[in-house]
Amino acid sequence: MRQLAVGMSLLDERGMTLAQPAERVGVTVADLSVQKNDRARAIRYHTLSAICRELGCRPGDLLTFATEGGGRRRPGDGR
């Protein structure tokens, strides 16, 4: 089984708190916390686009696949 995870480590790299992009994107800090801590079941395309706009990144910079063995890889890194 593969799961899609949304990593928010870019927040740390940019010295941002969850509150800053949450306010600009229009979601709660709790919602972003769920995304950052890999507990989310889904993310809306609109929300992903807005997060990318605020962080100055592309969706591929945030998305990773988690495989059964616990390994992670970025989309497009092979099978």
PDB file of N, CA and C in Angstrom:
ATOM      1  N   MET A   1       0.839  -1.167   0.000  1.00  0.00           N
ATOM      2  CA  MET A   1       0.000   0.000   0.000  1.00  0.00           C
ATOM      3  C   MET A   1       0.890   1.238   0.000  1.00  0.00           C
ATOM      4  N   ARG A   2       0.506   2.211  -0.768  1.00  0.00           N
ATOM      5  CA  ARG A   2       1.233   3.482  -0.805  1.00  0.00           C
ATOM      6  C   ARG A   2       0.330   4.577  -0.281  1.00  0.00           C
ATOM      7  N   GLN A   3       0.915   5.498   0.431  1.00  0.00           N
ATOM      8  CA  GLN A   3       0.182   6.650   0.910  1.00  0.00           C
ATOM      9  C   GLN A   3       0.905   7.903   0.459  1.00  0.00           C
ATOM     10  N   LEU A   4       0.129   8.920   0.171  1.00  0.00           N
ATOM     11  CA  LEU A   4       0.688  10.203  -0.216  1.00  0.00           C
ATOM     12  C   LEU A   4       0.828  11.057   1.029  1.00  0.00           C
ATOM     13  N   ALA A   5       1.990  11.591   1.255  1.00  0.00           N
ATOM     14  CA  ALA A   5       2.226  12.431   2.427  1.00  0.00           C
ATOM     15  C   ALA A   5       2.594  13.833   1.981  1.00  0.00           C
ATOM     16  N   VAL A   6       2.145  14.804   2.744  1.00  0.00           N
ATOM     17  CA  VAL A   6       2.478  16.195   2.465  1.00  0.00           C
ATOM     18  C   VAL A   6       3.451  16.652   3.540  1.00  0.00           C
ATOM     19  N   GLY A   7       4.699  16.840   3.144  1.00  0.00           N
ATOM     20  CA  GLY A   7       5.725  17.283   4.089  1.00  0.00           C
ATOM     21  C   GLY A   7       5.791  18.798   4.122  1.00  0.00           C
ATOM     22  N   MET A   8       5.860  19.332   5.294  1.00  0.00           N
ATOM     23  CA  MET A   8       5.900  20.783   5.440  1.00  0.00           C
ATOM     24  C   MET A   8       7.241  21.250   5.994  1.00  0.00           C
ATOM     25  N   SER A   9       8.300  20.504   5.722  1.00  0.00           N
ATOM     26  CA  SER A   9       9.620  20.885   6.232  1.00  0.00           C
ATOM     27  C   SER A   9      10.087  22.217   5.649  1.00  0.00           C
ATOM     28  N   LEU A  10       9.478  22.633   4.545  1.00  0.00           N
ATOM     29  CA  LEU A  10       9.840  23.936   3.965  1.00  0.00           C
ATOM     30  C   LEU A  10       9.523  25.076   4.924  1.00  0.00           C
ATOM     31  N   LEU A  11       8.546  24.876   5.794  1.00  0.00           N
ATOM     32  CA  LEU A  11       8.254  25.905   6.801  1.00  0.00           C
ATOM     33  C   LEU A  11       9.478  26.126   7.676  1.00  0.00           C
ATOM     34  N   ASP A  12      10.051  25.027   8.134  1.00  0.00           N
ATOM     35  CA  ASP A  12      11.240  25.124   8.987  1.00  0.00           C
ATOM     36  C   ASP A  12      12.397  25.771   8.241  1.00  0.00           C
ATOM     37  N   GLU A  13      12.586  25.376   6.982  1.00  0.00           N
ATOM     38  CA  GLU A  13      13.678  25.923   6.183  1.00  0.00           C
ATOM     39  C   GLU A  13      13.538  27.424   5.980  1.00  0.00           C
ATOM     40  N   ARG A  14      12.302  27.905   5.946  1.00  0.00           N
ATOM     41  CA  ARG A  14      12.062  29.336   5.718  1.00  0.00           C
ATOM     42  C   ARG A  14      11.861  30.108   7.017  1.00  0.00           C
ATOM     43  N   GLY A  15      11.986  29.404   8.149  1.00  0.00           N
ATOM     44  CA  GLY A  15      11.840  30.067   9.441  1.00  0.00           C
ATOM     45  C   GLY A  15      10.428  30.567   9.702  1.00  0.00           C
ATOM     46  N   MET A  16       9.438  29.863   9.165  1.00  0.00           N
ATOM     47  CA  MET A  16       8.043  30.262   9.318  1.00  0.00           C
ATOM     48  C   MET A  16       7.345  29.378  10.346  1.00  0.00           C
ATOM     49  N   THR A  17       6.380  29.951  11.036  1.00  0.00           N
ATOM     50  CA  THR A  17       5.525  29.172  11.912  1.00  0.00           C
ATOM     51  C   THR A  17       4.311  28.721  11.117  1.00  0.00           C
ATOM     52  N   LEU A  18       3.524  27.805  11.652  1.00  0.00           N
ATOM     53  CA  LEU A  18       2.312  27.359  10.973  1.00  0.00           C
ATOM     54  C   LEU A  18       1.282  28.484  10.852  1.00  0.00           C
ATOM     55  N   ALA A  19       1.312  29.413  11.789  1.00  0.00           N
ATOM     56  CA  ALA A  19       0.318  30.489  11.792  1.00  0.00           C
ATOM     57  C   ALA A  19       0.442  31.402  10.573  1.00  0.00           C
ATOM     58  N   GLN A  20       1.665  31.642  10.126  1.00  0.00           N
ATOM     59  CA  GLN A  20       1.857  32.578   9.010  1.00  0.00           C
ATOM     60  C   GLN A  20       1.200  32.097   7.718  1.00  0.00           C
ATOM     61  N   PRO A  21       1.543  30.910   7.201  1.00  0.00           N
ATOM     62  CA  PRO A  21       0.864  30.487   5.975  1.00  0.00           C
ATOM     63  C   PRO A  21      -0.601  30.136   6.195  1.00  0.00           C
ATOM     64  N   ALA A  22      -0.974  29.679   7.383  1.00  0.00           N
ATOM     65  CA  ALA A  22      -2.375  29.328   7.644  1.00  0.00           C
ATOM     66  C   ALA A  22      -3.266  30.544   7.439  1.00  0.00           C
ATOM     67  N   GLU A  23      -2.845  31.666   7.971  1.00  0.00           N
ATOM     68  CA  GLU A  23      -3.634  32.890   7.837  1.00  0.00           C
ATOM     69  C   GLU A  23      -3.737  33.315   6.371  1.00  0.00           C
ATOM     70  N   ARG A  24      -2.628  33.248   5.656  1.00  0.00           N
ATOM     71  CA  ARG A  24      -2.615  33.673   4.252  1.00  0.00           C
ATOM     72  C   ARG A  24      -3.381  32.720   3.342  1.00  0.00           C
ATOM     73  N   VAL A  25      -3.345  31.424   3.691  1.00  0.00           N
ATOM     74  CA  VAL A  25      -4.002  30.408   2.862  1.00  0.00           C
ATOM     75  C   VAL A  25      -5.490  30.327   3.185  1.00  0.00           C
ATOM     76  N   GLY A  26      -5.846  30.653   4.423  1.00  0.00           N
ATOM     77  CA  GLY A  26      -7.247  30.588   4.817  1.00  0.00           C
ATOM     78  C   GLY A  26      -7.637  29.245   5.414  1.00  0.00           C
ATOM     79  N   VAL A  27      -6.684  28.572   6.068  1.00  0.00           N
ATOM     80  CA  VAL A  27      -6.973  27.334   6.786  1.00  0.00           C
ATOM     81  C   VAL A  27      -6.537  27.522   8.236  1.00  0.00           C
ATOM     82  N   THR A  28      -6.968  26.611   9.084  1.00  0.00           N
ATOM     83  CA  THR A  28      -6.597  26.732  10.487  1.00  0.00           C
ATOM     84  C   THR A  28      -5.181  26.206  10.719  1.00  0.00           C
ATOM     85  N   VAL A  29      -4.587  26.652  11.795  1.00  0.00           N
ATOM     86  CA  VAL A  29      -3.275  26.153  12.181  1.00  0.00           C
ATOM     87  C   VAL A  29      -3.369  24.651  12.443  1.00  0.00           C
ATOM     88  N   ALA A  30      -4.478  24.204  13.016  1.00  0.00           N
ATOM     89  CA  ALA A  30      -4.678  22.771  13.288  1.00  0.00           C
ATOM     90  C   ALA A  30      -4.649  21.969  11.994  1.00  0.00           C
ATOM     91  N   ASP A  31      -5.284  22.488  10.938  1.00  0.00           N
ATOM     92  CA  ASP A  31      -5.286  21.783   9.645  1.00  0.00           C
ATOM     93  C   ASP A  31      -3.875  21.674   9.083  1.00  0.00           C
ATOM     94  N   LEU A  32      -3.111  22.735   9.152  1.00  0.00           N
ATOM     95  CA  LEU A  32      -1.735  22.682   8.660  1.00  0.00           C
ATOM     96  C   LEU A  32      -0.872  21.769   9.523  1.00  0.00           C
ATOM     97  N   SER A  33      -1.146  21.733  10.809  1.00  0.00           N
ATOM     98  CA  SER A  33      -0.406  20.851  11.699  1.00  0.00           C
ATOM     99  C   SER A  33      -0.633  19.388  11.324  1.00  0.00           C
ATOM    100  N   VAL A  34      -1.858  19.052  10.967  1.00  0.00           N
ATOM    101  CA  VAL A  34      -2.168  17.686  10.527  1.00  0.00           C
ATOM    102  C   VAL A  34      -1.369  17.359   9.270  1.00  0.00           C
ATOM    103  N   GLN A  35      -1.279  18.299   8.339  1.00  0.00           N
ATOM    104  CA  GLN A  35      -0.505  18.086   7.119  1.00  0.00           C
ATOM    105  C   GLN A  35       0.981  17.937   7.449  1.00  0.00           C
ATOM    106  N   LYS A  36       1.487  18.798   8.301  1.00  0.00           N
ATOM    107  CA  LYS A  36       2.915  18.798   8.620  1.00  0.00           C
ATOM    108  C   LYS A  36       3.345  17.509   9.321  1.00  0.00           C
ATOM    109  N   ASN A  37       2.472  16.969  10.149  1.00  0.00           N
ATOM    110  CA  ASN A  37       2.811  15.783  10.936  1.00  0.00           C
ATOM    111  C   ASN A  37       2.358  14.480  10.283  1.00  0.00           C
ATOM    112  N   ASP A  38       2.073  14.521   8.982  1.00  0.00           N
ATOM    113  CA  ASP A  38       1.719  13.333   8.195  1.00  0.00           C
ATOM    114  C   ASP A  38       0.527  12.567   8.747  1.00  0.00           C
ATOM    115  N   ARG A  39      -0.448  13.278   9.291  1.00  0.00           N
ATOM    116  CA  ARG A  39      -1.657  12.617   9.782  1.00  0.00           C
ATOM    117  C   ARG A  39      -2.859  12.862   8.870  1.00  0.00           C
ATOM    118  N   ALA A  40      -2.655  13.588   7.795  1.00  0.00           N
ATOM    119  CA  ALA A  40      -3.759  13.941   6.901  1.00  0.00           C
ATOM    120  C   ALA A  40      -4.129  12.766   6.001  1.00  0.00           C
ATOM    121  N   ARG A  41      -5.390  12.636   5.721  1.00  0.00           N
ATOM    122  CA  ARG A  41      -5.862  11.619   4.786  1.00  0.00           C
ATOM    123  C   ARG A  41      -5.913  12.164   3.362  1.00  0.00           C
ATOM    124  N   ALA A  42      -6.055  13.471   3.241  1.00  0.00           N
ATOM    125  CA  ALA A  42      -6.184  14.090   1.921  1.00  0.00           C
ATOM    126  C   ALA A  42      -5.820  15.569   2.028  1.00  0.00           C
ATOM    127  N   ILE A  43      -5.591  16.153   0.883  1.00  0.00           N
ATOM    128  CA  ILE A  43      -5.400  17.602   0.815  1.00  0.00           C
ATOM    129  C   ILE A  43      -6.093  18.074  -0.458  1.00  0.00           C
ATOM    130  N   ARG A  44      -6.827  19.143  -0.352  1.00  0.00           N
ATOM    131  CA  ARG A  44      -7.518  19.698  -1.524  1.00  0.00           C
ATOM    132  C   ARG A  44      -6.495  20.367  -2.439  1.00  0.00           C
ATOM    133  N   TYR A  45      -6.736  20.240  -3.728  1.00  0.00           N
ATOM    134  CA  TYR A  45      -5.836  20.844  -4.698  1.00  0.00           C
ATOM    135  C   TYR A  45      -5.715  22.350  -4.454  1.00  0.00           C
ATOM    136  N   HIS A  46      -6.821  22.991  -4.161  1.00  0.00           N
ATOM    137  CA  HIS A  46      -6.809  24.435  -3.906  1.00  0.00           C
ATOM    138  C   HIS A  46      -5.910  24.763  -2.713  1.00  0.00           C
ATOM    139  N   THR A  47      -5.998  23.964  -1.653  1.00  0.00           N
ATOM    140  CA  THR A  47      -5.176  24.191  -0.470  1.00  0.00           C
ATOM    141  C   THR A  47      -3.705  23.953  -0.781  1.00  0.00           C
ATOM    142  N   LEU A  48      -3.415  22.873  -1.506  1.00  0.00           N
ATOM    143  CA  LEU A  48      -2.035  22.574  -1.895  1.00  0.00           C
ATOM    144  C   LEU A  48      -1.460  23.714  -2.737  1.00  0.00           C
ATOM    145  N   SER A  49      -2.239  24.198  -3.681  1.00  0.00           N
ATOM    146  CA  SER A  49      -1.787  25.313  -4.527  1.00  0.00           C
ATOM    147  C   SER A  49      -1.520  26.560  -3.705  1.00  0.00           C
ATOM    148  N   ALA A  50      -2.401  26.847  -2.749  1.00  0.00           N
ATOM    149  CA  ALA A  50      -2.238  28.039  -1.917  1.00  0.00           C
ATOM    150  C   ALA A  50      -1.008  27.914  -1.013  1.00  0.00           C
ATOM    151  N   ILE A  51      -0.774  26.721  -0.462  1.00  0.00           N
ATOM    152  CA  ILE A  51       0.415  26.506   0.371  1.00  0.00           C
ATOM    153  C   ILE A  51       1.672  26.714  -0.474  1.00  0.00           C
ATOM    154  N   CYS A  52       1.672  26.155  -1.670  1.00  0.00           N
ATOM    155  CA  CYS A  52       2.825  26.317  -2.563  1.00  0.00           C
ATOM    156  C   CYS A  52       3.055  27.784  -2.910  1.00  0.00           C
ATOM    157  N   ARG A  53       1.983  28.504  -3.145  1.00  0.00           N
ATOM    158  CA  ARG A  53       2.104  29.935  -3.458  1.00  0.00           C
ATOM    159  C   ARG A  53       2.774  30.664  -2.295  1.00  0.00           C
ATOM    160  N   GLU A  54       2.356  30.369  -1.077  1.00  0.00           N
ATOM    161  CA  GLU A  54       2.905  31.055   0.092  1.00  0.00           C
ATOM    162  C   GLU A  54       4.337  30.647   0.412  1.00  0.00           C
ATOM    163  N   LEU A  55       4.672  29.390   0.130  1.00  0.00           N
ATOM    164  CA  LEU A  55       6.028  28.913   0.426  1.00  0.00           C
ATOM    165  C   LEU A  55       6.979  29.087  -0.754  1.00  0.00           C
ATOM    166  N   GLY A  56       6.446  29.514  -1.902  1.00  0.00           N
ATOM    167  CA  GLY A  56       7.289  29.701  -3.078  1.00  0.00           C
ATOM    168  C   GLY A  56       7.849  28.386  -3.585  1.00  0.00           C
ATOM    169  N   CYS A  57       7.003  27.357  -3.635  1.00  0.00           N
ATOM    170  CA  CYS A  57       7.460  26.040  -4.075  1.00  0.00           C
ATOM    171  C   CYS A  57       6.444  25.432  -5.036  1.00  0.00           C
ATOM    172  N   ARG A  58       6.722  24.210  -5.467  1.00  0.00           N
ATOM    173  CA  ARG A  58       5.807  23.479  -6.338  1.00  0.00           C
ATOM    174  C   ARG A  58       5.283  22.265  -5.575  1.00  0.00           C
ATOM    175  N   PRO A  59       4.144  21.694  -5.980  1.00  0.00           N
ATOM    176  CA  PRO A  59       3.587  20.547  -5.262  1.00  0.00           C
ATOM    177  C   PRO A  59       4.586  19.401  -5.072  1.00  0.00           C
ATOM    178  N   GLY A  60       5.438  19.149  -6.056  1.00  0.00           N
ATOM    179  CA  GLY A  60       6.426  18.085  -5.938  1.00  0.00           C
ATOM    180  C   GLY A  60       7.446  18.323  -4.836  1.00  0.00           C
ATOM    181  N   ASP A  61       7.582  19.585  -4.398  1.00  0.00           N
ATOM    182  CA  ASP A  61       8.484  19.889  -3.290  1.00  0.00           C
ATOM    183  C   ASP A  61       7.890  19.465  -1.948  1.00  0.00           C
ATOM    184  N   LEU A  62       6.570  19.279  -1.910  1.00  0.00           N
ATOM    185  CA  LEU A  62       5.876  18.929  -0.672  1.00  0.00           C
ATOM    186  C   LEU A  62       5.425  17.474  -0.611  1.00  0.00           C
ATOM    187  N   LEU A  63       5.127  16.883  -1.756  1.00  0.00           N
ATOM    188  CA  LEU A  63       4.525  15.555  -1.781  1.00  0.00           C
ATOM    189  C   LEU A  63       5.561  14.444  -1.792  1.00  0.00           C
ATOM    190  N   THR A  64       5.329  13.430  -0.996  1.00  0.00           N
ATOM    191  CA  THR A  64       6.146  12.220  -0.999  1.00  0.00           C
ATOM    192  C   THR A  64       5.230  11.016  -0.908  1.00  0.00           C
ATOM    193  N   PHE A  65       5.707   9.870  -1.379  1.00  0.00           N
ATOM    194  CA  PHE A  65       4.981   8.618  -1.245  1.00  0.00           C
ATOM    195  C   PHE A  65       5.573   7.846  -0.088  1.00  0.00           C
ATOM    196  N   ALA A  66       4.725   7.307   0.766  1.00  0.00           N
ATOM    197  CA  ALA A  66       5.174   6.432   1.845  1.00  0.00           C
ATOM    198  C   ALA A  66       4.779   5.012   1.449  1.00  0.00           C
ATOM    199  N   THR A  67       5.752   4.115   1.424  1.00  0.00           N
ATOM    200  CA  THR A  67       5.491   2.737   1.033  1.00  0.00           C
ATOM    201  C   THR A  67       5.325   1.859   2.275  1.00  0.00           C
ATOM    202  N   GLU A  68       4.951   0.611   2.057  1.00  0.00           N
ATOM    203  CA  GLU A  68       4.708  -0.307   3.166  1.00  0.00           C
ATOM    204  C   GLU A  68       5.896  -0.435   4.094  1.00  0.00           C
ATOM    205  N   GLY A  69       7.083  -0.470   3.551  1.00  0.00           N
ATOM    206  CA  GLY A  69       8.280  -0.613   4.367  1.00  0.00           C
ATOM    207  C   GLY A  69       8.652   0.645   5.126  1.00  0.00           C
ATOM    208  N   GLY A  70       7.846   1.690   4.991  1.00  0.00           N
ATOM    209  CA  GLY A  70       8.125   2.939   5.683  1.00  0.00           C
ATOM    210  C   GLY A  70       9.040   3.861   4.905  1.00  0.00           C
ATOM    211  N   GLY A  71       9.520   3.398   3.750  1.00  0.00           N
ATOM    212  CA  GLY A  71      10.376   4.245   2.930  1.00  0.00           C
ATOM    213  C   GLY A  71       9.583   5.360   2.279  1.00  0.00           C
ATOM    214  N   ARG A  72      10.256   6.441   2.037  1.00  0.00           N
ATOM    215  CA  ARG A  72       9.616   7.583   1.378  1.00  0.00           C
ATOM    216  C   ARG A  72      10.386   7.939   0.136  1.00  0.00           C
ATOM    217  N   ARG A  73       9.653   8.419  -0.837  1.00  0.00           N
ATOM    218  CA  ARG A  73      10.302   8.906  -2.043  1.00  0.00           C
ATOM    219  C   ARG A  73       9.445   9.981  -2.643  1.00  0.00           C
ATOM    220  N   ARG A  74      10.055  10.825  -3.428  1.00  0.00           N
ATOM    221  CA  ARG A  74       9.325  11.885  -4.110  1.00  0.00           C
ATOM    222  C   ARG A  74       8.661  11.329  -5.354  1.00  0.00           C
ATOM    223  N   PRO A  75       7.501  11.884  -5.729  1.00  0.00           N
ATOM    224  CA  PRO A  75       6.873  11.435  -6.975  1.00  0.00           C
ATOM    225  C   PRO A  75       7.839  11.605  -8.129  1.00  0.00           C
ATOM    226  N   GLY A  76       7.852  10.613  -9.024  1.00  0.00           N
ATOM    227  CA  GLY A  76       8.704  10.676 -10.204  1.00  0.00           C
ATOM    228  C   GLY A  76      10.084  10.099  -9.989  1.00  0.00           C
ATOM    229  N   ASP A  77      10.380   9.577  -8.795  1.00  0.00           N
ATOM    230  CA  ASP A  77      11.687   8.984  -8.520  1.00  0.00           C
ATOM    231  C   ASP A  77      11.752   7.502  -8.871  1.00  0.00           C
ATOM    232  N   GLY A  78      10.933   7.060  -9.758  1.00  0.00           N
ATOM    233  CA  GLY A  78      10.917   5.645 -10.128  1.00  0.00           C
ATOM    234  C   GLY A  78       9.865   4.894  -9.359  1.00  0.00           C
ATOM    235  N   ARG A  79       9.875   3.588  -9.523  1.00  0.00           N
ATOM    236  CA  ARG A  79       8.817   2.776  -8.902  1.00  0.00           C
ATOM    237  C   ARG A  79       9.168   2.384  -7.545  1.00  0.00           C
TER     238      ARG A  79
END
